[in-house]
């Protein structure tokens, strides 16, 4: 599972995220815009590959991914991937905006304006997605059970138990001959 998640995460992380101006044939990449720069250099200790790889990993293993927006002078200057376990997303009614809360200094605080929330895949609309692990949990359990069975089988020298039956009551010599024949 870890290898599959890493393959997806590293593939996504290696892709270049760009911002563009214009539509259709007039669309051109913007390389010097502050938004473009924060996508390429998300934070002092976070590379673009780290950011998008961490987001992809969160979406594979969790229901959500979260990116903390560090602001200065009214604009976002850093993007930091966060542990999805730190956040709780709710919506009062289907038509109301989602609210993202995190525990800050011991209190549940509304941090909706400070994070980018990316919902994992979901079969139906909602605030929660579904982790890939949860989608395949039964398959993983079956594979684990098969692996454990196989392990026990080979621990037994991959030999099933054998019972040799003979009619009547064989003598000691007949039993010895039968065993020698079986071994051969």
C-alpha atoms as a PDB file:
ATOM      1  CA  UNK A   1       0.000   0.000   0.000  1.00  0.00           C
ATOM      2  CA  UNK A   2       2.790   2.384   0.911  1.00  0.00           C
ATOM      3  CA  UNK A   3       4.487   1.779  -2.440  1.00  0.00           C
ATOM      4  CA  UNK A   4       1.254   2.479  -4.342  1.00  0.00           C
ATOM      5  CA  UNK A   5       0.584   5.667  -2.370  1.00  0.00           C
ATOM      6  CA  UNK A   6       4.152   6.835  -2.842  1.00  0.00           C
ATOM      7  CA  UNK A   7       3.988   6.162  -6.589  1.00  0.00           C
ATOM      8  CA  UNK A   8       0.886   8.368  -6.888  1.00  0.00           C
ATOM      9  CA  UNK A   9       2.212  11.047  -4.514  1.00  0.00           C
ATOM     10  CA  UNK A  10       5.636  11.299  -6.153  1.00  0.00           C
ATOM     11  CA  UNK A  11       4.054  11.437  -9.615  1.00  0.00           C
ATOM     12  CA  UNK A  12       1.737  14.266  -8.593  1.00  0.00           C
ATOM     13  CA  UNK A  13       4.512  15.998  -6.647  1.00  0.00           C
ATOM     14  CA  UNK A  14       6.752  16.027  -9.706  1.00  0.00           C
ATOM     15  CA  UNK A  15       4.219  17.893 -11.823  1.00  0.00           C
ATOM     16  CA  UNK A  16       4.703  21.630 -12.264  1.00  0.00           C
ATOM     17  CA  UNK A  17       1.805  23.785 -11.039  1.00  0.00           C
ATOM     18  CA  UNK A  18       1.450  27.010 -12.999  1.00  0.00           C
ATOM     19  CA  UNK A  19      -0.819  30.024 -13.096  1.00  0.00           C
ATOM     20  CA  UNK A  20      -2.091  31.343 -16.420  1.00  0.00           C
ATOM     21  CA  UNK A  21      -3.556  34.512 -17.930  1.00  0.00           C
ATOM     22  CA  UNK A  22      -5.934  34.513 -20.863  1.00  0.00           C
ATOM     23  CA  UNK A  23      -8.347  32.043 -22.372  1.00  0.00           C
ATOM     24  CA  UNK A  24      -8.045  29.256 -24.902  1.00  0.00           C
ATOM     25  CA  UNK A  25      -5.361  30.001 -27.519  1.00  0.00           C
ATOM     26  CA  UNK A  26      -4.379  33.265 -25.807  1.00  0.00           C
ATOM     27  CA  UNK A  27      -3.542  31.513 -22.526  1.00  0.00           C
ATOM     28  CA  UNK A  28       0.028  32.133 -21.364  1.00  0.00           C
ATOM     29  CA  UNK A  29       1.858  31.020 -18.211  1.00  0.00           C
ATOM     30  CA  UNK A  30       2.595  33.704 -15.642  1.00  0.00           C
ATOM     31  CA  UNK A  31       6.003  33.128 -14.078  1.00  0.00           C
ATOM     32  CA  UNK A  32       6.646  36.255 -11.976  1.00  0.00           C
ATOM     33  CA  UNK A  33       3.243  36.765 -10.325  1.00  0.00           C
ATOM     34  CA  UNK A  34       3.223  36.381  -6.492  1.00  0.00           C
ATOM     35  CA  UNK A  35       0.768  33.469  -6.791  1.00  0.00           C
ATOM     36  CA  UNK A  36       3.029  31.712  -9.315  1.00  0.00           C
ATOM     37  CA  UNK A  37       6.018  32.227  -7.038  1.00  0.00           C
ATOM     38  CA  UNK A  38       4.266  30.760  -3.980  1.00  0.00           C
ATOM     39  CA  UNK A  39       3.307  27.691  -6.057  1.00  0.00           C
ATOM     40  CA  UNK A  40       6.942  27.195  -7.086  1.00  0.00           C
ATOM     41  CA  UNK A  41       8.455  28.075  -3.686  1.00  0.00           C
ATOM     42  CA  UNK A  42       5.714  27.309  -1.108  1.00  0.00           C
ATOM     43  CA  UNK A  43       7.758  27.958   2.061  1.00  0.00           C
ATOM     44  CA  UNK A  44      11.337  28.186   3.317  1.00  0.00           C
ATOM     45  CA  UNK A  45      11.471  24.493   4.251  1.00  0.00           C
ATOM     46  CA  UNK A  46       8.862  23.158   1.792  1.00  0.00           C
ATOM     47  CA  UNK A  47       9.592  22.565  -1.885  1.00  0.00           C
ATOM     48  CA  UNK A  48       6.921  22.467  -4.548  1.00  0.00           C
ATOM     49  CA  UNK A  49       7.455  18.696  -4.813  1.00  0.00           C
ATOM     50  CA  UNK A  50       7.005  18.321  -1.031  1.00  0.00           C
ATOM     51  CA  UNK A  51       3.800  20.361  -1.006  1.00  0.00           C
ATOM     52  CA  UNK A  52       2.013  18.533  -3.805  1.00  0.00           C
ATOM     53  CA  UNK A  53       3.359  15.107  -2.788  1.00  0.00           C
ATOM     54  CA  UNK A  54       2.071  15.664   0.769  1.00  0.00           C
ATOM     55  CA  UNK A  55      -1.314  16.811  -0.558  1.00  0.00           C
ATOM     56  CA  UNK A  56      -1.578  13.723  -2.804  1.00  0.00           C
ATOM     57  CA  UNK A  57      -0.571  11.448   0.093  1.00  0.00           C
ATOM     58  CA  UNK A  58      -3.228  12.998   2.336  1.00  0.00           C
ATOM     59  CA  UNK A  59      -5.884  12.491  -0.330  1.00  0.00           C
ATOM     60  CA  UNK A  60      -4.900   8.838  -0.743  1.00  0.00           C
ATOM     61  CA  UNK A  61      -4.797   8.040   2.969  1.00  0.00           C
ATOM     62  CA  UNK A  62      -7.287  10.486   4.486  1.00  0.00           C
ATOM     63  CA  UNK A  63     -10.630  12.102   3.648  1.00  0.00           C
ATOM     64  CA  UNK A  64      -9.090  15.537   3.116  1.00  0.00           C
ATOM     65  CA  UNK A  65      -5.914  17.490   2.512  1.00  0.00           C
ATOM     66  CA  UNK A  66      -5.219  20.863   4.089  1.00  0.00           C
ATOM     67  CA  UNK A  67      -2.754  23.610   3.184  1.00  0.00           C
ATOM     68  CA  UNK A  68      -2.109  26.405   5.689  1.00  0.00           C
ATOM     69  CA  UNK A  69      -1.911  29.869   4.107  1.00  0.00           C
ATOM     70  CA  UNK A  70       0.685  32.139   5.737  1.00  0.00           C
ATOM     71  CA  UNK A  71      -0.235  35.738   4.961  1.00  0.00           C
ATOM     72  CA  UNK A  72       1.752  38.944   5.045  1.00  0.00           C
ATOM     73  CA  UNK A  73       0.642  42.332   3.782  1.00  0.00           C
ATOM     74  CA  UNK A  74      -2.745  40.951   2.742  1.00  0.00           C
ATOM     75  CA  UNK A  75      -1.389  38.252   0.429  1.00  0.00           C
ATOM     76  CA  UNK A  76      -0.420  34.607   0.774  1.00  0.00           C
ATOM     77  CA  UNK A  77       3.366  34.277   1.053  1.00  0.00           C
ATOM     78  CA  UNK A  78       3.696  30.629   2.103  1.00  0.00           C
ATOM     79  CA  UNK A  79       1.771  27.393   1.667  1.00  0.00           C
ATOM     80  CA  UNK A  80       2.391  24.679   4.257  1.00  0.00           C
ATOM     81  CA  UNK A  81       0.873  21.158   4.024  1.00  0.00           C
ATOM     82  CA  UNK A  82      -0.846  20.184   7.265  1.00  0.00           C
ATOM     83  CA  UNK A  83      -1.860  16.969   9.013  1.00  0.00           C
ATOM     84  CA  UNK A  84      -5.551  16.334   8.172  1.00  0.00           C
ATOM     85  CA  UNK A  85      -6.086  14.970  11.677  1.00  0.00           C
ATOM     86  CA  UNK A  86      -5.783  18.507  13.065  1.00  0.00           C
ATOM     87  CA  UNK A  87      -8.926  19.753  11.326  1.00  0.00           C
ATOM     88  CA  UNK A  88     -12.670  19.152  11.424  1.00  0.00           C
ATOM     89  CA  UNK A  89     -14.912  20.240   8.531  1.00  0.00           C
ATOM     90  CA  UNK A  90     -18.642  20.820   8.978  1.00  0.00           C
ATOM     91  CA  UNK A  91     -21.565  22.353   7.114  1.00  0.00           C
ATOM     92  CA  UNK A  92     -24.737  23.402   8.993  1.00  0.00           C
ATOM     93  CA  UNK A  93     -27.042  22.860   6.006  1.00  0.00           C
ATOM     94  CA  UNK A  94     -26.355  21.592   2.486  1.00  0.00           C
ATOM     95  CA  UNK A  95     -26.511  25.183   1.205  1.00  0.00           C
ATOM     96  CA  UNK A  96     -24.438  26.835   3.931  1.00  0.00           C
ATOM     97  CA  UNK A  97     -20.674  27.376   3.596  1.00  0.00           C
ATOM     98  CA  UNK A  98     -18.319  24.832   5.107  1.00  0.00           C
ATOM     99  CA  UNK A  99     -16.572  25.673   8.353  1.00  0.00           C
ATOM    100  CA  UNK A 100     -13.091  24.358   9.132  1.00  0.00           C
ATOM    101  CA  UNK A 101     -12.091  24.160  12.765  1.00  0.00           C
ATOM    102  CA  UNK A 102      -8.745  23.369  14.353  1.00  0.00           C
ATOM    103  CA  UNK A 103      -7.702  23.183  17.973  1.00  0.00           C
ATOM    104  CA  UNK A 104      -5.588  26.283  18.652  1.00  0.00           C
ATOM    105  CA  UNK A 105      -4.298  26.863  22.191  1.00  0.00           C
ATOM    106  CA  UNK A 106      -6.760  24.272  23.493  1.00  0.00           C
ATOM    107  CA  UNK A 107      -9.847  25.794  21.835  1.00  0.00           C
ATOM    108  CA  UNK A 108     -11.702  24.782  18.670  1.00  0.00           C
ATOM    109  CA  UNK A 109     -11.126  27.787  16.423  1.00  0.00           C
ATOM    110  CA  UNK A 110     -12.604  28.654  13.026  1.00  0.00           C
ATOM    111  CA  UNK A 111      -9.635  28.601  10.632  1.00  0.00           C
ATOM    112  CA  UNK A 112     -11.640  28.537   7.391  1.00  0.00           C
ATOM    113  CA  UNK A 113      -9.922  31.658   6.015  1.00  0.00           C
ATOM    114  CA  UNK A 114      -6.455  30.365   6.909  1.00  0.00           C
ATOM    115  CA  UNK A 115      -6.508  27.003   5.105  1.00  0.00           C
ATOM    116  CA  UNK A 116      -7.127  25.563   1.699  1.00  0.00           C
ATOM    117  CA  UNK A 117      -9.331  22.485   2.079  1.00  0.00           C
ATOM    118  CA  UNK A 118      -9.131  19.818  -0.609  1.00  0.00           C
ATOM    119  CA  UNK A 119     -11.741  17.123  -0.223  1.00  0.00           C
ATOM    120  CA  UNK A 120     -10.841  13.559  -1.108  1.00  0.00           C
ATOM    121  CA  UNK A 121     -12.776  11.663  -3.756  1.00  0.00           C
ATOM    122  CA  UNK A 122     -16.438  11.148  -2.959  1.00  0.00           C
ATOM    123  CA  UNK A 123     -19.237   9.331  -4.725  1.00  0.00           C
ATOM    124  CA  UNK A 124     -21.710  12.005  -3.619  1.00  0.00           C
ATOM    125  CA  UNK A 125     -21.295  15.713  -2.810  1.00  0.00           C
ATOM    126  CA  UNK A 126     -20.453  16.605   0.769  1.00  0.00           C
ATOM    127  CA  UNK A 127     -17.757  18.027   2.991  1.00  0.00           C
ATOM    128  CA  UNK A 128     -16.120  14.637   3.568  1.00  0.00           C
ATOM    129  CA  UNK A 129     -14.322  12.618   0.970  1.00  0.00           C
ATOM    130  CA  UNK A 130     -13.314   8.992   1.185  1.00  0.00           C
ATOM    131  CA  UNK A 131      -9.743   7.826   1.595  1.00  0.00           C
ATOM    132  CA  UNK A 132      -8.465   5.281  -0.892  1.00  0.00           C
ATOM    133  CA  UNK A 133      -7.612   3.032   2.055  1.00  0.00           C
ATOM    134  CA  UNK A 134     -11.236   3.126   3.250  1.00  0.00           C
ATOM    135  CA  UNK A 135     -12.493   2.383  -0.262  1.00  0.00           C
ATOM    136  CA  UNK A 136     -10.377  -0.761  -0.433  1.00  0.00           C
ATOM    137  CA  UNK A 137     -10.397  -1.804   3.240  1.00  0.00           C
ATOM    138  CA  UNK A 138     -12.227  -5.122   2.585  1.00  0.00           C
ATOM    139  CA  UNK A 139      -9.847  -6.015  -0.248  1.00  0.00           C
ATOM    140  CA  UNK A 140      -6.868  -5.276   1.992  1.00  0.00           C
ATOM    141  CA  UNK A 141      -8.335  -7.465   4.754  1.00  0.00           C
ATOM    142  CA  UNK A 142      -8.836 -10.330   2.279  1.00  0.00           C
ATOM    143  CA  UNK A 143      -5.281  -9.968   0.983  1.00  0.00           C
ATOM    144  CA  UNK A 144      -3.939  -9.929   4.547  1.00  0.00           C
ATOM    145  CA  UNK A 145      -5.926 -13.064   5.454  1.00  0.00           C
ATOM    146  CA  UNK A 146      -4.613 -14.842   2.337  1.00  0.00           C
ATOM    147  CA  UNK A 147      -1.056 -13.801   3.192  1.00  0.00           C
ATOM    148  CA  UNK A 148      -1.431 -15.121   6.751  1.00  0.00           C
ATOM    149  CA  UNK A 149      -2.888 -18.408   5.465  1.00  0.00           C
ATOM    150  CA  UNK A 150      -0.019 -18.763   2.997  1.00  0.00           C
ATOM    151  CA  UNK A 151       2.466 -18.097   5.789  1.00  0.00           C
ATOM    152  CA  UNK A 152       0.962 -20.799   7.969  1.00  0.00           C
ATOM    153  CA  UNK A 153       0.950 -23.206   4.992  1.00  0.00           C
ATOM    154  CA  UNK A 154       4.669 -22.725   4.339  1.00  0.00           C
ATOM    155  CA  UNK A 155       5.463 -22.866   8.060  1.00  0.00           C
ATOM    156  CA  UNK A 156       4.061 -26.394   7.818  1.00  0.00           C
ATOM    157  CA  UNK A 157       6.681 -27.169   5.110  1.00  0.00           C
ATOM    158  CA  UNK A 158       3.931 -26.685   2.522  1.00  0.00           C
ATOM    159  CA  UNK A 159       2.869 -30.242   3.213  1.00  0.00           C
ATOM    160  CA  UNK A 160      -0.682 -31.093   4.064  1.00  0.00           C
ATOM    161  CA  UNK A 161      -1.264 -33.579   6.849  1.00  0.00           C
ATOM    162  CA  UNK A 162      -1.498 -37.152   5.532  1.00  0.00           C
ATOM    163  CA  UNK A 163      -3.367 -40.204   6.805  1.00  0.00           C
ATOM    164  CA  UNK A 164      -2.674 -43.525   5.150  1.00  0.00           C
ATOM    165  CA  UNK A 165      -5.338 -46.128   5.657  1.00  0.00           C
ATOM    166  CA  UNK A 166      -5.059 -49.877   5.103  1.00  0.00           C
ATOM    167  CA  UNK A 167      -7.783 -52.426   5.499  1.00  0.00           C
ATOM    168  CA  UNK A 168      -7.412 -54.780   8.437  1.00  0.00           C
ATOM    169  CA  UNK A 169      -4.616 -54.655  10.996  1.00  0.00           C
ATOM    170  CA  UNK A 170      -1.227 -54.427   9.234  1.00  0.00           C
ATOM    171  CA  UNK A 171       1.805 -55.972  10.898  1.00  0.00           C
ATOM    172  CA  UNK A 172       4.823 -53.965  11.893  1.00  0.00           C
ATOM    173  CA  UNK A 173       6.683 -55.062   8.723  1.00  0.00           C
ATOM    174  CA  UNK A 174       3.708 -54.104   6.540  1.00  0.00           C
ATOM    175  CA  UNK A 175       3.539 -50.650   8.183  1.00  0.00           C
ATOM    176  CA  UNK A 176       7.286 -50.148   7.655  1.00  0.00           C
ATOM    177  CA  UNK A 177       6.987 -51.226   3.974  1.00  0.00           C
ATOM    178  CA  UNK A 178       4.010 -48.873   3.517  1.00  0.00           C
ATOM    179  CA  UNK A 179       5.973 -45.936   5.007  1.00  0.00           C
ATOM    180  CA  UNK A 180       9.034 -46.704   2.842  1.00  0.00           C
ATOM    181  CA  UNK A 181       6.782 -46.883  -0.222  1.00  0.00           C
ATOM    182  CA  UNK A 182       5.173 -43.555   0.676  1.00  0.00           C
ATOM    183  CA  UNK A 183       8.538 -41.843   1.184  1.00  0.00           C
ATOM    184  CA  UNK A 184       9.774 -43.152  -2.184  1.00  0.00           C
END
